[in-house]
Amino acid sequence: MIDDVQFLEYVVKALVGHPDDIKIKRTVDEMGVLMTLDVHPDDMGKVIGRSGNTAKAIRILLRVVGMKNNSRINLKINEPVGSGTWRTPDTKISPVSKTLDEAVDDLNLD
C-alpha cells in the first residue's frame, strides 16, 4: 500500500530548495483525508507553480494515490508567514474611488 504522506513528502522534497522545512499534517474525517502542507517561504512559488499548475498536478497525483487506498485525499497548502504575498495584514486598502455607474461607463458597453 502506498503511504500518502511519504508520497507527498517525496514529491515536494524534489521541488523545493529547503527540504528540511517541509511539514505535512494528515487528518481524517467523514469527508476523507486532508493533508496540510507547510513549506519555507522561498519555496512557495516552486510548490504552487505557474498559474497553480504544479499544485494542481500534486493534487491530482494525491487523488490517484487515494483511489489506490480507497480514500479521498485533499491537499491544503498553507501560505507561510513572510512569503512575499501581494498584501500583508497591515496593508491599507484604499477606498473605492468610483461608483458602480462610473465603472460601468468606463467599460464602454454601448
N, C-alpha and C. Protein backbone atom coordinates (compact mmCIF):
# COMPACT_ATOMS: atom_id res chain seq x y z
N MET A 1 0.84 -1.18 0.00
CA MET A 1 0.00 0.00 0.00
C MET A 1 0.89 1.25 0.00
N ILE A 2 0.55 2.23 -0.82
CA ILE A 2 1.32 3.45 -0.93
C ILE A 2 0.94 4.39 0.22
N ASP A 3 1.93 4.89 0.94
CA ASP A 3 1.70 5.83 2.03
C ASP A 3 1.61 7.23 1.44
N ASP A 4 0.46 7.87 1.61
CA ASP A 4 0.24 9.18 1.00
C ASP A 4 1.17 10.26 1.56
N VAL A 5 1.50 10.19 2.83
CA VAL A 5 2.40 11.19 3.42
C VAL A 5 3.81 11.05 2.83
N GLN A 6 4.28 9.83 2.73
CA GLN A 6 5.60 9.61 2.15
C GLN A 6 5.63 10.04 0.69
N PHE A 7 4.56 9.77 -0.03
CA PHE A 7 4.48 10.17 -1.44
C PHE A 7 4.57 11.70 -1.57
N LEU A 8 3.74 12.41 -0.79
CA LEU A 8 3.74 13.87 -0.85
C LEU A 8 5.10 14.42 -0.45
N GLU A 9 5.69 13.87 0.59
CA GLU A 9 7.00 14.33 1.03
C GLU A 9 8.05 14.13 -0.06
N TYR A 10 8.02 12.99 -0.72
CA TYR A 10 8.97 12.69 -1.80
C TYR A 10 8.84 13.69 -2.94
N VAL A 11 7.61 13.95 -3.36
CA VAL A 11 7.37 14.86 -4.49
C VAL A 11 7.80 16.28 -4.14
N VAL A 12 7.39 16.76 -2.96
CA VAL A 12 7.68 18.14 -2.60
C VAL A 12 9.18 18.33 -2.35
N LYS A 13 9.83 17.36 -1.72
CA LYS A 13 11.27 17.48 -1.48
C LYS A 13 12.05 17.58 -2.79
N ALA A 14 11.55 16.96 -3.84
CA ALA A 14 12.21 17.03 -5.14
C ALA A 14 12.07 18.41 -5.77
N LEU A 15 11.09 19.20 -5.32
CA LEU A 15 10.83 20.51 -5.91
C LEU A 15 11.50 21.67 -5.18
N VAL A 16 11.63 21.56 -3.87
CA VAL A 16 11.99 22.72 -3.07
C VAL A 16 13.49 22.85 -2.81
N GLY A 17 13.89 24.04 -2.37
CA GLY A 17 15.27 24.29 -2.02
C GLY A 17 15.57 24.10 -0.54
N HIS A 18 14.52 24.03 0.28
CA HIS A 18 14.67 23.84 1.72
C HIS A 18 13.87 22.60 2.15
N PRO A 19 14.32 21.40 1.79
CA PRO A 19 13.53 20.19 2.07
C PRO A 19 13.34 19.90 3.55
N ASP A 20 14.23 20.42 4.40
CA ASP A 20 14.10 20.16 5.84
C ASP A 20 12.98 20.98 6.47
N ASP A 21 12.47 21.98 5.77
CA ASP A 21 11.41 22.83 6.31
C ASP A 21 10.01 22.35 5.94
N ILE A 22 9.91 21.22 5.28
CA ILE A 22 8.60 20.68 4.88
C ILE A 22 7.91 20.07 6.10
N LYS A 23 6.64 20.45 6.28
CA LYS A 23 5.84 19.86 7.35
C LYS A 23 4.52 19.40 6.73
N ILE A 24 4.16 18.16 6.99
CA ILE A 24 2.92 17.61 6.46
C ILE A 24 2.08 17.13 7.63
N LYS A 25 0.84 17.58 7.66
CA LYS A 25 -0.11 17.15 8.69
C LYS A 25 -1.23 16.40 7.99
N ARG A 26 -1.57 15.24 8.50
CA ARG A 26 -2.61 14.40 7.89
C ARG A 26 -3.74 14.22 8.89
N THR A 27 -4.95 14.59 8.48
CA THR A 27 -6.13 14.39 9.31
C THR A 27 -7.19 13.64 8.52
N VAL A 28 -7.97 12.85 9.22
CA VAL A 28 -9.02 12.06 8.59
C VAL A 28 -10.35 12.40 9.26
N ASP A 29 -11.36 12.64 8.43
CA ASP A 29 -12.71 12.85 8.95
C ASP A 29 -13.71 12.20 7.99
N GLU A 30 -14.98 12.52 8.15
CA GLU A 30 -16.00 11.89 7.30
C GLU A 30 -15.89 12.30 5.84
N MET A 31 -15.21 13.41 5.56
CA MET A 31 -15.04 13.87 4.18
C MET A 31 -13.87 13.19 3.49
N GLY A 32 -12.99 12.55 4.25
CA GLY A 32 -11.83 11.90 3.67
C GLY A 32 -10.57 12.32 4.38
N VAL A 33 -9.47 12.35 3.64
CA VAL A 33 -8.16 12.69 4.19
C VAL A 33 -7.82 14.12 3.78
N LEU A 34 -7.40 14.92 4.75
CA LEU A 34 -6.92 16.26 4.45
C LEU A 34 -5.44 16.29 4.81
N MET A 35 -4.64 16.62 3.81
CA MET A 35 -3.21 16.77 4.03
C MET A 35 -2.89 18.25 3.95
N THR A 36 -2.23 18.76 4.99
CA THR A 36 -1.87 20.16 5.05
C THR A 36 -0.36 20.27 4.91
N LEU A 37 0.08 21.10 3.98
CA LEU A 37 1.50 21.22 3.66
C LEU A 37 2.00 22.61 4.03
N ASP A 38 3.13 22.62 4.76
CA ASP A 38 3.83 23.86 5.07
C ASP A 38 5.22 23.77 4.46
N VAL A 39 5.65 24.83 3.79
CA VAL A 39 6.99 24.88 3.19
C VAL A 39 7.66 26.20 3.56
N HIS A 40 8.94 26.27 3.32
CA HIS A 40 9.71 27.50 3.53
C HIS A 40 9.15 28.59 2.62
N PRO A 41 9.09 29.84 3.09
CA PRO A 41 8.55 30.92 2.25
C PRO A 41 9.19 31.04 0.87
N ASP A 42 10.49 30.78 0.78
CA ASP A 42 11.17 30.89 -0.51
C ASP A 42 10.74 29.80 -1.49
N ASP A 43 10.17 28.72 -0.99
CA ASP A 43 9.79 27.58 -1.84
C ASP A 43 8.32 27.61 -2.27
N MET A 44 7.58 28.58 -1.79
CA MET A 44 6.15 28.60 -2.08
C MET A 44 5.87 28.64 -3.58
N GLY A 45 6.59 29.45 -4.31
CA GLY A 45 6.38 29.55 -5.76
C GLY A 45 6.68 28.25 -6.48
N LYS A 46 7.66 27.50 -5.99
CA LYS A 46 8.00 26.23 -6.62
C LYS A 46 6.91 25.20 -6.42
N VAL A 47 6.27 25.23 -5.25
CA VAL A 47 5.22 24.27 -4.95
C VAL A 47 3.92 24.63 -5.67
N ILE A 48 3.63 25.91 -5.76
CA ILE A 48 2.41 26.35 -6.44
C ILE A 48 2.59 26.26 -7.95
N GLY A 49 3.71 26.74 -8.47
CA GLY A 49 3.96 26.69 -9.90
C GLY A 49 3.25 27.81 -10.64
N ARG A 50 3.59 27.95 -11.91
CA ARG A 50 2.98 28.98 -12.74
C ARG A 50 1.49 28.69 -12.91
N SER A 51 0.69 29.68 -12.59
CA SER A 51 -0.78 29.57 -12.64
C SER A 51 -1.32 28.43 -11.78
N GLY A 52 -0.55 28.01 -10.79
CA GLY A 52 -1.01 26.95 -9.90
C GLY A 52 -0.93 25.55 -10.49
N ASN A 53 -0.24 25.41 -11.62
CA ASN A 53 -0.21 24.12 -12.31
C ASN A 53 0.51 23.03 -11.53
N THR A 54 1.58 23.38 -10.82
CA THR A 54 2.30 22.36 -10.04
C THR A 54 1.43 21.87 -8.90
N ALA A 55 0.77 22.79 -8.20
CA ALA A 55 -0.12 22.41 -7.10
C ALA A 55 -1.27 21.53 -7.62
N LYS A 56 -1.82 21.88 -8.77
CA LYS A 56 -2.89 21.07 -9.36
C LYS A 56 -2.41 19.67 -9.67
N ALA A 57 -1.21 19.57 -10.22
CA ALA A 57 -0.65 18.25 -10.56
C ALA A 57 -0.42 17.41 -9.31
N ILE A 58 0.09 18.03 -8.25
CA ILE A 58 0.30 17.31 -6.99
C ILE A 58 -1.04 16.82 -6.44
N ARG A 59 -2.06 17.66 -6.51
CA ARG A 59 -3.39 17.26 -6.01
C ARG A 59 -3.95 16.08 -6.82
N ILE A 60 -3.77 16.12 -8.12
CA ILE A 60 -4.25 15.02 -8.97
C ILE A 60 -3.54 13.72 -8.60
N LEU A 61 -2.22 13.80 -8.44
CA LEU A 61 -1.46 12.59 -8.08
C LEU A 61 -1.89 12.06 -6.72
N LEU A 62 -2.15 12.96 -5.77
CA LEU A 62 -2.61 12.52 -4.46
C LEU A 62 -3.98 11.84 -4.54
N ARG A 63 -4.84 12.33 -5.41
CA ARG A 63 -6.14 11.68 -5.58
C ARG A 63 -5.98 10.27 -6.15
N VAL A 64 -5.01 10.10 -7.05
CA VAL A 64 -4.74 8.76 -7.60
C VAL A 64 -4.24 7.84 -6.49
N VAL A 65 -3.33 8.34 -5.66
CA VAL A 65 -2.85 7.55 -4.52
C VAL A 65 -4.03 7.20 -3.61
N GLY A 66 -4.91 8.16 -3.39
CA GLY A 66 -6.08 7.92 -2.56
C GLY A 66 -7.00 6.86 -3.14
N MET A 67 -7.17 6.87 -4.45
CA MET A 67 -8.02 5.85 -5.08
C MET A 67 -7.45 4.46 -4.88
N LYS A 68 -6.12 4.35 -4.93
CA LYS A 68 -5.49 3.05 -4.68
C LYS A 68 -5.77 2.56 -3.27
N ASN A 69 -5.93 3.51 -2.34
CA ASN A 69 -6.15 3.18 -0.94
C ASN A 69 -7.61 3.35 -0.50
N ASN A 70 -8.52 3.50 -1.48
CA ASN A 70 -9.94 3.68 -1.20
C ASN A 70 -10.23 4.85 -0.27
N SER A 71 -9.58 5.97 -0.53
CA SER A 71 -9.83 7.17 0.27
C SER A 71 -9.77 8.40 -0.63
N ARG A 72 -10.41 9.45 -0.17
CA ARG A 72 -10.39 10.71 -0.92
C ARG A 72 -9.39 11.63 -0.22
N ILE A 73 -8.39 12.09 -0.97
CA ILE A 73 -7.34 12.93 -0.40
C ILE A 73 -7.44 14.34 -0.96
N ASN A 74 -7.43 15.31 -0.06
CA ASN A 74 -7.39 16.71 -0.44
C ASN A 74 -6.12 17.32 0.13
N LEU A 75 -5.57 18.29 -0.59
CA LEU A 75 -4.34 18.95 -0.17
C LEU A 75 -4.59 20.42 0.05
N LYS A 76 -4.19 20.90 1.22
CA LYS A 76 -4.22 22.32 1.53
C LYS A 76 -2.78 22.77 1.69
N ILE A 77 -2.40 23.81 0.96
CA ILE A 77 -1.05 24.36 1.06
C ILE A 77 -1.15 25.65 1.85
N ASN A 78 -0.56 25.64 3.03
CA ASN A 78 -0.59 26.83 3.88
C ASN A 78 0.38 27.88 3.36
N GLU A 79 -0.07 29.11 3.36
CA GLU A 79 0.79 30.21 2.94
C GLU A 79 1.70 30.57 4.11
N PRO A 80 3.01 30.47 3.92
CA PRO A 80 3.91 30.76 5.03
C PRO A 80 3.96 32.24 5.37
N VAL A 81 4.22 32.52 6.62
CA VAL A 81 4.37 33.90 7.06
C VAL A 81 5.60 34.48 6.36
N GLY A 82 5.45 35.66 5.80
CA GLY A 82 6.58 36.31 5.13
C GLY A 82 6.88 35.75 3.76
N SER A 83 5.89 35.19 3.09
CA SER A 83 6.13 34.59 1.78
C SER A 83 6.14 35.62 0.66
N GLY A 84 5.98 36.90 1.01
CA GLY A 84 6.02 37.93 -0.02
C GLY A 84 4.70 38.04 -0.76
N THR A 85 3.61 37.89 -0.04
CA THR A 85 2.30 37.99 -0.67
C THR A 85 2.05 39.43 -1.11
N TRP A 86 1.10 39.61 -1.95
CA TRP A 86 0.83 40.93 -2.51
C TRP A 86 0.26 41.88 -1.47
N ARG A 87 -0.30 41.33 -0.39
CA ARG A 87 -0.89 42.19 0.63
C ARG A 87 -0.63 41.59 2.00
N THR A 88 -0.09 42.39 2.89
CA THR A 88 0.14 41.94 4.26
C THR A 88 -1.02 42.38 5.12
N PRO A 89 -1.19 41.81 6.30
CA PRO A 89 -2.33 42.18 7.15
C PRO A 89 -2.39 43.66 7.49
N ASP A 90 -1.25 44.35 7.52
CA ASP A 90 -1.27 45.77 7.88
C ASP A 90 -1.42 46.69 6.67
N THR A 91 -1.60 46.11 5.47
CA THR A 91 -1.77 46.92 4.27
C THR A 91 -3.11 47.63 4.32
N LYS A 92 -3.07 48.91 4.04
CA LYS A 92 -4.30 49.70 3.99
C LYS A 92 -4.95 49.53 2.62
N ILE A 93 -6.23 49.25 2.61
CA ILE A 93 -6.97 49.11 1.36
C ILE A 93 -7.58 50.46 1.05
N SER A 94 -7.28 50.97 -0.13
CA SER A 94 -7.78 52.29 -0.47
C SER A 94 -9.29 52.24 -0.67
N PRO A 95 -9.96 53.34 -0.35
CA PRO A 95 -11.41 53.37 -0.54
C PRO A 95 -11.75 53.34 -2.02
N VAL A 96 -12.97 52.92 -2.32
CA VAL A 96 -13.43 52.85 -3.70
C VAL A 96 -13.45 54.26 -4.26
N SER A 97 -12.84 54.43 -5.43
CA SER A 97 -12.73 55.77 -5.99
C SER A 97 -13.82 56.07 -7.03
N LYS A 98 -14.55 55.04 -7.45
CA LYS A 98 -15.59 55.25 -8.45
C LYS A 98 -16.87 54.56 -7.97
N THR A 99 -17.98 55.12 -8.44
CA THR A 99 -19.25 54.45 -8.18
C THR A 99 -19.41 53.33 -9.20
N LEU A 100 -20.36 52.48 -8.96
CA LEU A 100 -20.62 51.38 -9.89
C LEU A 100 -20.99 51.92 -11.26
N ASP A 101 -21.80 52.95 -11.29
CA ASP A 101 -22.20 53.54 -12.57
C ASP A 101 -21.01 54.09 -13.33
N GLU A 102 -20.09 54.73 -12.62
CA GLU A 102 -18.90 55.26 -13.28
C GLU A 102 -18.03 54.14 -13.84
N ALA A 103 -17.91 53.05 -13.08
CA ALA A 103 -17.10 51.91 -13.55
C ALA A 103 -17.73 51.27 -14.78
N VAL A 104 -19.07 51.15 -14.80
CA VAL A 104 -19.76 50.58 -15.96
C VAL A 104 -19.60 51.49 -17.16
N ASP A 105 -19.68 52.80 -16.96
CA ASP A 105 -19.47 53.74 -18.05
C ASP A 105 -18.09 53.60 -18.65
N ASP A 106 -17.09 53.33 -17.80
CA ASP A 106 -15.72 53.16 -18.29
C ASP A 106 -15.56 51.95 -19.19
N LEU A 107 -16.46 50.99 -19.08
CA LEU A 107 -16.37 49.78 -19.90
C LEU A 107 -16.77 50.02 -21.35
N ASN A 108 -17.46 51.13 -21.62
CA ASN A 108 -17.90 51.48 -22.98
C ASN A 108 -18.67 50.33 -23.64
N LEU A 109 -19.71 49.89 -22.95
CA LEU A 109 -20.51 48.78 -23.47
C LEU A 109 -21.56 49.21 -24.47
N ASP A 110 -21.67 50.49 -24.75
CA ASP A 110 -22.70 50.97 -25.69
C ASP A 110 -22.38 50.61 -27.10
